[in-house]
Amino acid sequence: MDTPGFSALDFNHLLNEEIKAGFKEFNNFECPYQDCLHINEKECLIKKEVQLGNILPSRYQTYKNLILKKGN
């Protein structure tokens, strides 16, 4: 995320669903798990799309970092 003038951002106040909604490219694919966090689920379509190159690995890693930093 390009954040001119900011040295740090805090997303801890956001719900996981709010963070997930910020990654619009995930909406292009329908994961079989309705409440999937796209991190630990074996059959997660988002993880497969990252492997196929349809979602940038850097975007997925940023998403994972935000979710995991919250301690989920």
C-alpha atoms as a PDB file:
ATOM      1  CA  MET A   1       0.000   0.000   0.000  1.00  0.00           C
ATOM      2  CA  ASP A   2       1.384   3.398  -0.911  1.00  0.00           C
ATOM      3  CA  THR A   3       0.838   5.643   2.085  1.00  0.00           C
ATOM      4  CA  PRO A   4       2.641   8.963   1.569  1.00  0.00           C
ATOM      5  CA  GLY A   5       3.158  10.773   4.856  1.00  0.00           C
ATOM      6  CA  PHE A   6       2.415   7.728   7.008  1.00  0.00           C
ATOM      7  CA  SER A   7       5.115   5.647   8.638  1.00  0.00           C
ATOM      8  CA  ALA A   8       2.675   3.074  10.048  1.00  0.00           C
ATOM      9  CA  LEU A   9      -0.919   2.000   9.626  1.00  0.00           C
ATOM     10  CA  ASP A  10      -3.015   0.121  12.184  1.00  0.00           C
ATOM     11  CA  PHE A  11      -5.701  -2.227  10.889  1.00  0.00           C
ATOM     12  CA  ASN A  12      -6.359  -3.974  14.208  1.00  0.00           C
ATOM     13  CA  HIS A  13      -9.705  -2.212  14.583  1.00  0.00           C
ATOM     14  CA  LEU A  14     -10.982  -3.781  11.352  1.00  0.00           C
ATOM     15  CA  LEU A  15     -12.863  -7.063  11.271  1.00  0.00           C
ATOM     16  CA  ASN A  16     -11.421  -9.873   9.142  1.00  0.00           C
ATOM     17  CA  GLU A  17     -14.355  -9.478   6.747  1.00  0.00           C
ATOM     18  CA  GLU A  18     -13.536  -5.783   6.317  1.00  0.00           C
ATOM     19  CA  ILE A  19      -9.914  -6.580   5.509  1.00  0.00           C
ATOM     20  CA  LYS A  20     -10.993  -9.302   3.073  1.00  0.00           C
ATOM     21  CA  ALA A  21     -13.402  -6.873   1.373  1.00  0.00           C
ATOM     22  CA  GLY A  22     -10.477  -4.526   0.711  1.00  0.00           C
ATOM     23  CA  PHE A  23      -8.897  -7.090  -1.593  1.00  0.00           C
ATOM     24  CA  LYS A  24     -11.310  -6.666  -4.499  1.00  0.00           C
ATOM     25  CA  GLU A  25      -9.500  -9.168  -6.711  1.00  0.00           C
ATOM     26  CA  PHE A  26     -10.680 -11.948  -4.369  1.00  0.00           C
ATOM     27  CA  ASN A  27     -14.248 -11.160  -5.442  1.00  0.00           C
ATOM     28  CA  ASN A  28     -13.465 -12.394  -8.953  1.00  0.00           C
ATOM     29  CA  PHE A  29     -13.374 -15.962  -7.632  1.00  0.00           C
ATOM     30  CA  GLU A  30     -15.966 -17.821  -5.593  1.00  0.00           C
ATOM     31  CA  CYS A  31     -14.321 -19.844  -2.842  1.00  0.00           C
ATOM     32  CA  PRO A  32     -16.259 -22.996  -1.876  1.00  0.00           C
ATOM     33  CA  TYR A  33     -16.086 -21.972   1.781  1.00  0.00           C
ATOM     34  CA  GLN A  34     -18.544 -19.202   2.606  1.00  0.00           C
ATOM     35  CA  ASP A  35     -16.612 -17.874   5.618  1.00  0.00           C
ATOM     36  CA  CYS A  36     -13.131 -18.700   4.283  1.00  0.00           C
ATOM     37  CA  LEU A  37     -10.228 -16.552   5.453  1.00  0.00           C
ATOM     38  CA  HIS A  38      -8.160 -17.880   2.517  1.00  0.00           C
ATOM     39  CA  ILE A  39      -5.281 -18.927   4.760  1.00  0.00           C
ATOM     40  CA  ASN A  40      -5.597 -22.439   6.252  1.00  0.00           C
ATOM     41  CA  GLU A  41      -8.430 -24.027   4.295  1.00  0.00           C
ATOM     42  CA  LYS A  42      -7.210 -26.863   2.031  1.00  0.00           C
ATOM     43  CA  GLU A  43      -9.608 -26.382  -0.892  1.00  0.00           C
ATOM     44  CA  CYS A  44      -9.540 -22.578  -0.886  1.00  0.00           C
ATOM     45  CA  LEU A  45      -9.974 -21.254  -4.414  1.00  0.00           C
ATOM     46  CA  ILE A  46      -8.161 -17.987  -3.628  1.00  0.00           C
ATOM     47  CA  LYS A  47      -4.982 -19.885  -2.691  1.00  0.00           C
ATOM     48  CA  LYS A  48      -5.234 -21.872  -5.927  1.00  0.00           C
ATOM     49  CA  GLU A  49      -5.688 -18.690  -7.970  1.00  0.00           C
ATOM     50  CA  VAL A  50      -2.544 -17.251  -6.380  1.00  0.00           C
ATOM     51  CA  GLN A  51      -0.641 -20.389  -7.448  1.00  0.00           C
ATOM     52  CA  LEU A  52      -2.060 -20.072 -10.966  1.00  0.00           C
ATOM     53  CA  GLY A  53      -0.946 -16.428 -11.170  1.00  0.00           C
ATOM     54  CA  ASN A  54      -4.462 -14.981 -11.331  1.00  0.00           C
ATOM     55  CA  ILE A  55      -3.943 -13.112  -8.051  1.00  0.00           C
ATOM     56  CA  LEU A  56      -0.620 -11.413  -7.392  1.00  0.00           C
ATOM     57  CA  PRO A  57       1.356 -13.306  -4.727  1.00  0.00           C
ATOM     58  CA  SER A  58       2.419  -9.984  -3.195  1.00  0.00           C
ATOM     59  CA  ARG A  59      -1.232  -8.953  -2.722  1.00  0.00           C
ATOM     60  CA  TYR A  60      -2.065 -12.299  -1.159  1.00  0.00           C
ATOM     61  CA  GLN A  61       0.951 -12.041   1.167  1.00  0.00           C
ATOM     62  CA  THR A  62      -0.132  -8.554   2.247  1.00  0.00           C
ATOM     63  CA  TYR A  63      -3.612  -9.894   2.952  1.00  0.00           C
ATOM     64  CA  LYS A  64      -2.202 -12.793   4.983  1.00  0.00           C
ATOM     65  CA  ASN A  65       0.070 -10.444   6.941  1.00  0.00           C
ATOM     66  CA  LEU A  66      -2.883  -8.217   7.880  1.00  0.00           C
ATOM     67  CA  ILE A  67      -5.070 -11.144   8.980  1.00  0.00           C
ATOM     68  CA  LEU A  68      -2.320 -12.990  10.846  1.00  0.00           C
ATOM     69  CA  LYS A  69      -1.043  -9.837  12.566  1.00  0.00           C
ATOM     70  CA  LYS A  70      -4.440  -9.578  14.241  1.00  0.00           C
ATOM     71  CA  GLY A  71      -3.785 -12.974  15.815  1.00  0.00           C
ATOM     72  CA  ASN A  72      -6.368 -15.017  13.910  1.00  0.00           C
END
